[in-house]
PDB file of N, CA and C in Angstrom:
ATOM      1  N   MET A   1     -23.249  53.991  -9.180  1.00  0.00           N
ATOM      2  CA  MET A   1     -23.089  55.250  -8.200  1.00  0.00           C
ATOM      3  C   MET A   1     -23.087  55.213  -6.835  1.00  0.00           C
ATOM      4  N   ALA A   2     -23.840  54.067  -6.193  1.00  0.00           N
ATOM      5  CA  ALA A   2     -23.765  53.829  -4.920  1.00  0.00           C
ATOM      6  C   ALA A   2     -22.323  53.419  -4.444  1.00  0.00           C
ATOM      7  N   ILE A   3     -21.582  52.745  -5.415  1.00  0.00           N
ATOM      8  CA  ILE A   3     -20.320  52.067  -4.686  1.00  0.00           C
ATOM      9  C   ILE A   3     -19.374  53.330  -4.771  1.00  0.00           C
ATOM     10  N   ALA A   4     -19.314  54.334  -5.801  1.00  0.00           N
ATOM     11  CA  ALA A   4     -18.722  55.594  -5.670  1.00  0.00           C
ATOM     12  C   ALA A   4     -19.085  56.385  -4.572  1.00  0.00           C
ATOM     13  N   GLU A   5     -20.244  56.425  -4.183  1.00  0.00           N
ATOM     14  CA  GLU A   5     -20.474  57.218  -2.941  1.00  0.00           C
ATOM     15  C   GLU A   5     -20.169  56.580  -1.693  1.00  0.00           C
ATOM     16  N   ALA A   6     -20.321  55.323  -1.544  1.00  0.00           N
ATOM     17  CA  ALA A   6     -19.758  54.404  -0.327  1.00  0.00           C
ATOM     18  C   ALA A   6     -18.197  54.610  -0.185  1.00  0.00           C
ATOM     19  N   LEU A   7     -17.591  54.497  -1.294  1.00  0.00           N
ATOM     20  CA  LEU A   7     -15.893  54.603  -1.208  1.00  0.00           C
ATOM     21  C   LEU A   7     -15.529  55.988  -0.957  1.00  0.00           C
ATOM     22  N   SER A   8     -16.229  56.962  -1.327  1.00  0.00           N
ATOM     23  CA  SER A   8     -15.892  58.294  -1.079  1.00  0.00           C
ATOM     24  C   SER A   8     -16.163  58.876   0.476  1.00  0.00           C
ATOM     25  N   LEU A   9     -16.878  57.779   1.171  1.00  0.00           N
ATOM     26  CA  LEU A   9     -17.109  58.240   2.554  1.00  0.00           C
ATOM     27  C   LEU A   9     -16.269  57.160   3.253  1.00  0.00           C
ATOM     28  N   GLY A  10     -15.557  56.576   2.798  1.00  0.00           N
ATOM     29  CA  GLY A  10     -14.633  55.412   3.459  1.00  0.00           C
ATOM     30  C   GLY A  10     -15.298  54.285   3.945  1.00  0.00           C
ATOM     31  N   VAL A  11     -16.250  53.825   3.126  1.00  0.00           N
ATOM     32  CA  VAL A  11     -17.206  52.577   3.378  1.00  0.00           C
ATOM     33  C   VAL A  11     -16.602  51.569   2.617  1.00  0.00           C
ATOM     34  N   PRO A  12     -15.982  50.497   2.959  1.00  0.00           N
ATOM     35  CA  PRO A  12     -15.711  49.342   1.951  1.00  0.00           C
ATOM     36  C   PRO A  12     -17.198  48.700   1.564  1.00  0.00           C
ATOM     37  N   VAL A  13     -16.844  48.315   0.687  1.00  0.00           N
ATOM     38  CA  VAL A  13     -18.074  47.732  -0.427  1.00  0.00           C
ATOM     39  C   VAL A  13     -17.849  46.196  -0.717  1.00  0.00           C
ATOM     40  N   ILE A  14     -19.022  45.549  -0.485  1.00  0.00           N
ATOM     41  CA  ILE A  14     -19.145  44.131  -0.975  1.00  0.00           C
ATOM     42  C   ILE A  14     -19.993  44.039  -2.290  1.00  0.00           C
ATOM     43  N   ALA A  15     -19.718  43.546  -3.238  1.00  0.00           N
ATOM     44  CA  ALA A  15     -20.523  43.537  -4.455  1.00  0.00           C
ATOM     45  C   ALA A  15     -20.414  42.526  -5.263  1.00  0.00           C
ATOM     46  N   THR A  16     -21.351  42.164  -6.283  1.00  0.00           N
ATOM     47  CA  THR A  16     -21.052  41.117  -7.266  1.00  0.00           C
ATOM     48  C   THR A  16     -20.430  41.729  -8.627  1.00  0.00           C
ATOM     49  N   ASP A  17     -19.698  40.757  -9.231  1.00  0.00           N
ATOM     50  CA  ASP A  17     -18.817  41.089 -10.343  1.00  0.00           C
ATOM     51  C   ASP A  17     -19.664  41.318 -11.533  1.00  0.00           C
ATOM     52  N   THR A  18     -20.169  42.598 -11.810  1.00  0.00           N
ATOM     53  CA  THR A  18     -21.155  42.881 -12.860  1.00  0.00           C
ATOM     54  C   THR A  18     -20.626  44.220 -13.634  1.00  0.00           C
ATOM     55  N   GLY A  19     -20.809  44.571 -14.686  1.00  0.00           N
ATOM     56  CA  GLY A  19     -20.377  45.683 -15.330  1.00  0.00           C
ATOM     57  C   GLY A  19     -18.694  46.079 -14.947  1.00  0.00           C
ATOM     58  N   ASP A  20     -18.554  47.318 -14.762  1.00  0.00           N
ATOM     59  CA  ASP A  20     -17.265  47.743 -14.625  1.00  0.00           C
ATOM     60  C   ASP A  20     -16.887  47.733 -13.014  1.00  0.00           C
ATOM     61  N   ILE A  21     -17.646  47.280 -12.287  1.00  0.00           N
ATOM     62  CA  ILE A  21     -17.283  47.125 -10.842  1.00  0.00           C
ATOM     63  C   ILE A  21     -15.727  46.831 -10.538  1.00  0.00           C
ATOM     64  N   SER A  22     -15.486  45.758 -11.201  1.00  0.00           N
ATOM     65  CA  SER A  22     -14.038  45.230 -11.024  1.00  0.00           C
ATOM     66  C   SER A  22     -13.069  46.373 -11.329  1.00  0.00           C
ATOM     67  N   ARG A  23     -13.364  47.539 -12.163  1.00  0.00           N
ATOM     68  CA  ARG A  23     -12.373  48.482 -12.114  1.00  0.00           C
ATOM     69  C   ARG A  23     -12.005  49.344 -10.720  1.00  0.00           C
ATOM     70  N   VAL A  24     -13.075  49.233 -10.022  1.00  0.00           N
ATOM     71  CA  VAL A  24     -12.830  50.172  -8.738  1.00  0.00           C
ATOM     72  C   VAL A  24     -12.695  49.171  -7.597  1.00  0.00           C
ATOM     73  N   LEU A  25     -13.454  48.153  -7.612  1.00  0.00           N
ATOM     74  CA  LEU A  25     -13.573  47.231  -6.425  1.00  0.00           C
ATOM     75  C   LEU A  25     -12.456  46.121  -6.426  1.00  0.00           C
ATOM     76  N   LYS A  26     -11.571  46.230  -5.393  1.00  0.00           N
ATOM     77  CA  LYS A  26     -10.493  44.929  -5.534  1.00  0.00           C
ATOM     78  C   LYS A  26     -10.752  44.290  -4.156  1.00  0.00           C
ATOM     79  N   SER A  27     -11.072  43.016  -4.253  1.00  0.00           N
ATOM     80  CA  SER A  27     -11.303  42.135  -3.314  1.00  0.00           C
ATOM     81  C   SER A  27      -9.940  41.987  -2.053  1.00  0.00           C
ATOM     82  N   ASP A  28     -10.315  42.376  -0.841  1.00  0.00           N
ATOM     83  CA  ASP A  28      -9.341  42.247   0.299  1.00  0.00           C
ATOM     84  C   ASP A  28      -8.536  43.584   0.179  1.00  0.00           C
ATOM     85  N   TYR A  29      -9.113  44.593  -0.333  1.00  0.00           N
ATOM     86  CA  TYR A  29      -8.404  45.902  -0.380  1.00  0.00           C
ATOM     87  C   TYR A  29      -9.319  46.896   0.098  1.00  0.00           C
ATOM     88  N   ASN A  30     -10.408  47.137  -0.805  1.00  0.00           N
ATOM     89  CA  ASN A  30     -11.482  48.088  -0.563  1.00  0.00           C
ATOM     90  C   ASN A  30     -12.788  47.580  -0.153  1.00  0.00           C
ATOM     91  N   GLY A  31     -12.621  46.345   0.028  1.00  0.00           N
ATOM     92  CA  GLY A  31     -13.938  45.649   0.023  1.00  0.00           C
ATOM     93  C   GLY A  31     -13.716  44.097  -0.500  1.00  0.00           C
ATOM     94  N   PHE A  32     -15.020  43.769  -1.113  1.00  0.00           N
ATOM     95  CA  PHE A  32     -14.828  42.310  -1.700  1.00  0.00           C
ATOM     96  C   PHE A  32     -15.775  42.211  -2.916  1.00  0.00           C
ATOM     97  N   LEU A  33     -15.248  41.420  -3.994  1.00  0.00           N
ATOM     98  CA  LEU A  33     -15.906  41.254  -5.085  1.00  0.00           C
ATOM     99  C   LEU A  33     -16.255  39.800  -5.392  1.00  0.00           C
ATOM    100  N   PHE A  34     -17.369  39.502  -5.576  1.00  0.00           N
ATOM    101  CA  PHE A  34     -17.978  38.168  -5.696  1.00  0.00           C
ATOM    102  C   PHE A  34     -18.515  37.798  -6.982  1.00  0.00           C
ATOM    103  N   PRO A  35     -18.403  36.635  -7.395  1.00  0.00           N
ATOM    104  CA  PRO A  35     -19.113  36.159  -8.665  1.00  0.00           C
ATOM    105  C   PRO A  35     -20.803  36.409  -8.458  1.00  0.00           C
ATOM    106  N   VAL A  36     -21.544  36.288  -9.492  1.00  0.00           N
ATOM    107  CA  VAL A  36     -22.915  36.531  -9.239  1.00  0.00           C
ATOM    108  C   VAL A  36     -23.307  35.399  -8.495  1.00  0.00           C
ATOM    109  N   ASP A  37     -22.859  34.205  -8.740  1.00  0.00           N
ATOM    110  CA  ASP A  37     -23.318  32.987  -8.194  1.00  0.00           C
ATOM    111  C   ASP A  37     -22.449  32.673  -6.601  1.00  0.00           C
ATOM    112  N   PHE A  38     -22.288  33.680  -6.013  1.00  0.00           N
ATOM    113  CA  PHE A  38     -21.438  33.348  -4.739  1.00  0.00           C
ATOM    114  C   PHE A  38     -22.172  32.704  -3.792  1.00  0.00           C
ATOM    115  N   GLU A  39     -21.245  32.215  -2.799  1.00  0.00           N
ATOM    116  CA  GLU A  39     -21.941  31.350  -1.713  1.00  0.00           C
ATOM    117  C   GLU A  39     -22.103  32.189  -0.625  1.00  0.00           C
ATOM    118  N   PHE A  40     -23.420  31.907   0.072  1.00  0.00           N
ATOM    119  CA  PHE A  40     -23.630  32.920   1.070  1.00  0.00           C
ATOM    120  C   PHE A  40     -22.775  33.092   2.308  1.00  0.00           C
ATOM    121  N   ARG A  41     -21.788  32.051   2.414  1.00  0.00           N
ATOM    122  CA  ARG A  41     -20.824  31.688   3.652  1.00  0.00           C
ATOM    123  C   ARG A  41     -19.643  32.826   3.374  1.00  0.00           C
ATOM    124  N   ASP A  42     -19.579  32.936   2.071  1.00  0.00           N
ATOM    125  CA  ASP A  42     -18.388  33.801   1.607  1.00  0.00           C
ATOM    126  C   ASP A  42     -18.839  35.380   2.013  1.00  0.00           C
ATOM    127  N   TYR A  43     -19.972  35.717   1.772  1.00  0.00           N
ATOM    128  CA  TYR A  43     -20.591  36.960   2.117  1.00  0.00           C
ATOM    129  C   TYR A  43     -20.294  37.351   3.631  1.00  0.00           C
ATOM    130  N   ILE A  44     -20.685  36.245   4.343  1.00  0.00           N
ATOM    131  CA  ILE A  44     -20.596  36.533   5.715  1.00  0.00           C
ATOM    132  C   ILE A  44     -19.136  36.509   6.441  1.00  0.00           C
ATOM    133  N   ASP A  45     -18.132  35.831   5.461  1.00  0.00           N
ATOM    134  CA  ASP A  45     -16.629  35.758   5.997  1.00  0.00           C
ATOM    135  C   ASP A  45     -16.032  37.152   5.358  1.00  0.00           C
ATOM    136  N   ALA A  46     -16.738  37.656   4.313  1.00  0.00           N
ATOM    137  CA  ALA A  46     -16.027  39.053   3.936  1.00  0.00           C
ATOM    138  C   ALA A  46     -16.484  40.138   5.005  1.00  0.00           C
ATOM    139  N   ILE A  47     -17.766  40.138   5.545  1.00  0.00           N
ATOM    140  CA  ILE A  47     -18.166  41.053   6.512  1.00  0.00           C
ATOM    141  C   ILE A  47     -17.426  40.950   7.732  1.00  0.00           C
ATOM    142  N   THR A  48     -17.214  39.624   8.117  1.00  0.00           N
ATOM    143  CA  THR A  48     -16.288  39.612   9.201  1.00  0.00           C
ATOM    144  C   THR A  48     -14.849  40.154   9.027  1.00  0.00           C
ATOM    145  N   ARG A  49     -14.287  39.759   7.962  1.00  0.00           N
ATOM    146  CA  ARG A  49     -12.845  40.130   7.544  1.00  0.00           C
ATOM    147  C   ARG A  49     -12.884  41.819   7.519  1.00  0.00           C
ATOM    148  N   ILE A  50     -13.936  42.512   6.881  1.00  0.00           N
ATOM    149  CA  ILE A  50     -14.023  43.895   7.006  1.00  0.00           C
ATOM    150  C   ILE A  50     -13.954  44.386   8.344  1.00  0.00           C
ATOM    151  N   LEU A  51     -14.895  43.796   9.156  1.00  0.00           N
ATOM    152  CA  LEU A  51     -14.930  44.217  10.404  1.00  0.00           C
ATOM    153  C   LEU A  51     -13.852  44.203  11.141  1.00  0.00           C
ATOM    154  N   SER A  52     -12.948  43.069  11.076  1.00  0.00           N
ATOM    155  CA  SER A  52     -11.901  42.705  11.971  1.00  0.00           C
ATOM    156  C   SER A  52     -10.749  43.800  11.513  1.00  0.00           C
ATOM    157  N   ASP A  53     -10.734  44.363  10.427  1.00  0.00           N
ATOM    158  CA  ASP A  53      -9.604  45.268   9.951  1.00  0.00           C
ATOM    159  C   ASP A  53     -10.264  46.510   9.299  1.00  0.00           C
ATOM    160  N   TYR A  54     -11.073  47.006   9.674  1.00  0.00           N
ATOM    161  CA  TYR A  54     -12.020  48.174   9.346  1.00  0.00           C
ATOM    162  C   TYR A  54     -10.975  49.342   9.021  1.00  0.00           C
ATOM    163  N   PRO A  55     -10.227  49.790   9.761  1.00  0.00           N
ATOM    164  CA  PRO A  55      -9.298  51.004   9.548  1.00  0.00           C
ATOM    165  C   PRO A  55      -8.572  50.933   8.206  1.00  0.00           C
ATOM    166  N   ARG A  56      -7.986  49.712   7.715  1.00  0.00           N
ATOM    167  CA  ARG A  56      -7.436  49.388   6.675  1.00  0.00           C
ATOM    168  C   ARG A  56      -8.318  49.404   5.438  1.00  0.00           C
ATOM    169  N   PHE A  57      -9.440  48.885   5.472  1.00  0.00           N
ATOM    170  CA  PHE A  57     -10.385  48.693   4.595  1.00  0.00           C
ATOM    171  C   PHE A  57     -10.974  50.100   4.285  1.00  0.00           C
ATOM    172  N   ALA A  58     -11.178  50.855   5.281  1.00  0.00           N
ATOM    173  CA  ALA A  58     -11.849  52.321   5.120  1.00  0.00           C
ATOM    174  C   ALA A  58     -10.783  53.194   4.474  1.00  0.00           C
ATOM    175  N   ALA A  59      -9.601  53.143   4.693  1.00  0.00           N
ATOM    176  CA  ALA A  59      -8.526  54.007   4.237  1.00  0.00           C
ATOM    177  C   ALA A  59      -8.428  53.609   2.810  1.00  0.00           C
ATOM    178  N   ASN A  60      -8.445  52.365   2.406  1.00  0.00           N
ATOM    179  CA  ASN A  60      -8.107  52.033   1.034  1.00  0.00           C
ATOM    180  C   ASN A  60      -9.625  52.411   0.180  1.00  0.00           C
ATOM    181  N   ALA A  61     -10.628  52.410   0.897  1.00  0.00           N
ATOM    182  CA  ALA A  61     -11.753  52.780   0.124  1.00  0.00           C
ATOM    183  C   ALA A  61     -11.733  54.316  -0.082  1.00  0.00           C
ATOM    184  N   LEU A  62     -11.299  55.061   0.733  1.00  0.00           N
ATOM    185  CA  LEU A  62     -11.196  56.576   0.644  1.00  0.00           C
ATOM    186  C   LEU A  62     -10.031  56.580  -0.698  1.00  0.00           C
ATOM    187  N   ALA A  63      -8.969  56.002  -0.512  1.00  0.00           N
ATOM    188  CA  ALA A  63      -8.023  56.130  -1.648  1.00  0.00           C
ATOM    189  C   ALA A  63      -8.485  55.649  -2.973  1.00  0.00           C
ATOM    190  N   SER A  64      -9.357  54.641  -3.227  1.00  0.00           N
ATOM    191  CA  SER A  64     -10.033  54.183  -4.201  1.00  0.00           C
ATOM    192  C   SER A  64     -10.944  55.349  -4.758  1.00  0.00           C
ATOM    193  N   ALA A  65     -11.640  56.144  -3.825  1.00  0.00           N
ATOM    194  CA  ALA A  65     -12.533  57.069  -4.517  1.00  0.00           C
ATOM    195  C   ALA A  65     -11.751  58.257  -5.197  1.00  0.00           C
ATOM    196  N   GLU A  66     -10.552  58.413  -5.135  1.00  0.00           N
ATOM    197  CA  GLU A  66     -10.106  59.355  -5.826  1.00  0.00           C
ATOM    198  C   GLU A  66     -10.354  59.387  -7.249  1.00  0.00           C
ATOM    199  N   MET A  67     -10.516  58.388  -7.754  1.00  0.00           N
ATOM    200  CA  MET A  67     -10.864  58.322  -9.375  1.00  0.00           C
ATOM    201  C   MET A  67     -12.176  58.852  -9.425  1.00  0.00           C
ATOM    202  N   PHE A  68     -13.134  59.346  -8.739  1.00  0.00           N
ATOM    203  CA  PHE A  68     -14.248  59.920  -8.635  1.00  0.00           C
ATOM    204  C   PHE A  68     -14.205  61.386  -8.377  1.00  0.00           C
ATOM    205  N   ASN A  69     -13.138  61.696  -7.978  1.00  0.00           N
ATOM    206  CA  ASN A  69     -12.923  63.185  -7.514  1.00  0.00           C
ATOM    207  C   ASN A  69     -12.972  64.299  -8.801  1.00  0.00           C
ATOM    208  N   ALA A  70     -13.923  64.833  -8.775  1.00  0.00           N
ATOM    209  CA  ALA A  70     -14.027  65.722  -9.863  1.00  0.00           C
ATOM    210  C   ALA A  70     -12.752  66.527 -10.516  1.00  0.00           C
ATOM    211  N   GLU A  71     -12.338  67.116  -9.374  1.00  0.00           N
ATOM    212  CA  GLU A  71     -10.792  67.891  -9.851  1.00  0.00           C
ATOM    213  C   GLU A  71      -9.967  66.947 -10.397  1.00  0.00           C
ATOM    214  N   SER A  72     -10.013  65.694  -9.966  1.00  0.00           N
ATOM    215  CA  SER A  72      -8.825  64.702 -10.612  1.00  0.00           C
ATOM    216  C   SER A  72      -9.411  64.376 -11.931  1.00  0.00           C
ATOM    217  N   VAL A  73     -10.711  64.090 -12.078  1.00  0.00           N
ATOM    218  CA  VAL A  73     -11.008  63.878 -13.373  1.00  0.00           C
ATOM    219  C   VAL A  73     -10.837  64.905 -14.405  1.00  0.00           C
ATOM    220  N   ALA A  74     -11.314  66.170 -13.859  1.00  0.00           N
ATOM    221  CA  ALA A  74     -10.951  67.304 -14.952  1.00  0.00           C
ATOM    222  C   ALA A  74      -9.723  67.446 -15.255  1.00  0.00           C
ATOM    223  N   ARG A  75      -8.548  67.388 -14.322  1.00  0.00           N
ATOM    224  CA  ARG A  75      -7.401  67.703 -14.420  1.00  0.00           C
ATOM    225  C   ARG A  75      -6.865  66.659 -15.616  1.00  0.00           C
ATOM    226  N   SER A  76      -7.290  65.324 -15.559  1.00  0.00           N
ATOM    227  CA  SER A  76      -6.799  64.216 -16.377  1.00  0.00           C
ATOM    228  C   SER A  76      -7.366  64.452 -17.641  1.00  0.00           C
ATOM    229  N   LEU A  77      -8.763  65.094 -17.872  1.00  0.00           N
ATOM    230  CA  LEU A  77      -9.098  65.203 -19.200  1.00  0.00           C
ATOM    231  C   LEU A  77      -8.472  66.466 -19.741  1.00  0.00           C
ATOM    232  N   ILE A  78      -8.243  67.328 -19.083  1.00  0.00           N
ATOM    233  CA  ILE A  78      -7.356  68.739 -19.541  1.00  0.00           C
ATOM    234  C   ILE A  78      -6.112  68.150 -20.058  1.00  0.00           C
ATOM    235  N   GLY A  79      -5.358  67.136 -19.479  1.00  0.00           N
ATOM    236  CA  GLY A  79      -4.187  66.681 -19.759  1.00  0.00           C
ATOM    237  C   GLY A  79      -4.145  65.957 -21.004  1.00  0.00           C
ATOM    238  N   ASP A  80      -5.242  65.070 -21.287  1.00  0.00           N
ATOM    239  CA  ASP A  80      -5.574  64.417 -22.472  1.00  0.00           C
ATOM    240  C   ASP A  80      -5.869  65.447 -23.492  1.00  0.00           C
ATOM    241  N   LEU A  81      -6.825  66.212 -23.134  1.00  0.00           N
ATOM    242  CA  LEU A  81      -6.863  67.387 -24.561  1.00  0.00           C
ATOM    243  C   LEU A  81      -5.713  68.062 -24.760  1.00  0.00           C
ATOM    244  N   ASN A  82      -4.830  68.459 -23.934  1.00  0.00           N
ATOM    245  CA  ASN A  82      -3.749  69.178 -24.251  1.00  0.00           C
ATOM    246  C   ASN A  82      -2.467  68.417 -25.098  1.00  0.00           C
ATOM    247  N   ALA A  83      -2.636  66.996 -24.830  1.00  0.00           N
ATOM    248  CA  ALA A  83      -1.828  66.215 -25.546  1.00  0.00           C
ATOM    249  C   ALA A  83      -2.257  66.033 -27.060  1.00  0.00           C
ATOM    250  N   PHE A  84      -3.425  66.376 -27.260  1.00  0.00           N
ATOM    251  CA  PHE A  84      -3.852  66.201 -28.627  1.00  0.00           C
ATOM    252  C   PHE A  84      -3.688  67.617 -29.371  1.00  0.00           C
ATOM    253  N   CYS A  85      -3.563  68.669 -28.713  1.00  0.00           N
ATOM    254  CA  CYS A  85      -3.416  69.872 -29.326  1.00  0.00           C
ATOM    255  C   CYS A  85      -2.022  70.427 -29.572  1.00  0.00           C
TER     256      CYS A  85
END
């Protein structure tokens, strides 16, 4: 939930690749996704890269958050239900 909230505010995310996080978070697009056993230096480099190109990362974070938009989710669900009827 924290990742969805951050993206919806345009905040890039740095996270480890667990669960379904990779469905939303794309490295060098809306943040960075690391393996669970990541190197600390990679974390520092990711922060530096985000800060050096923050407007792009922030815009991509907002675009990625669209999948959490209630209206979009409802529209998609209604479309799927109508396809079955």
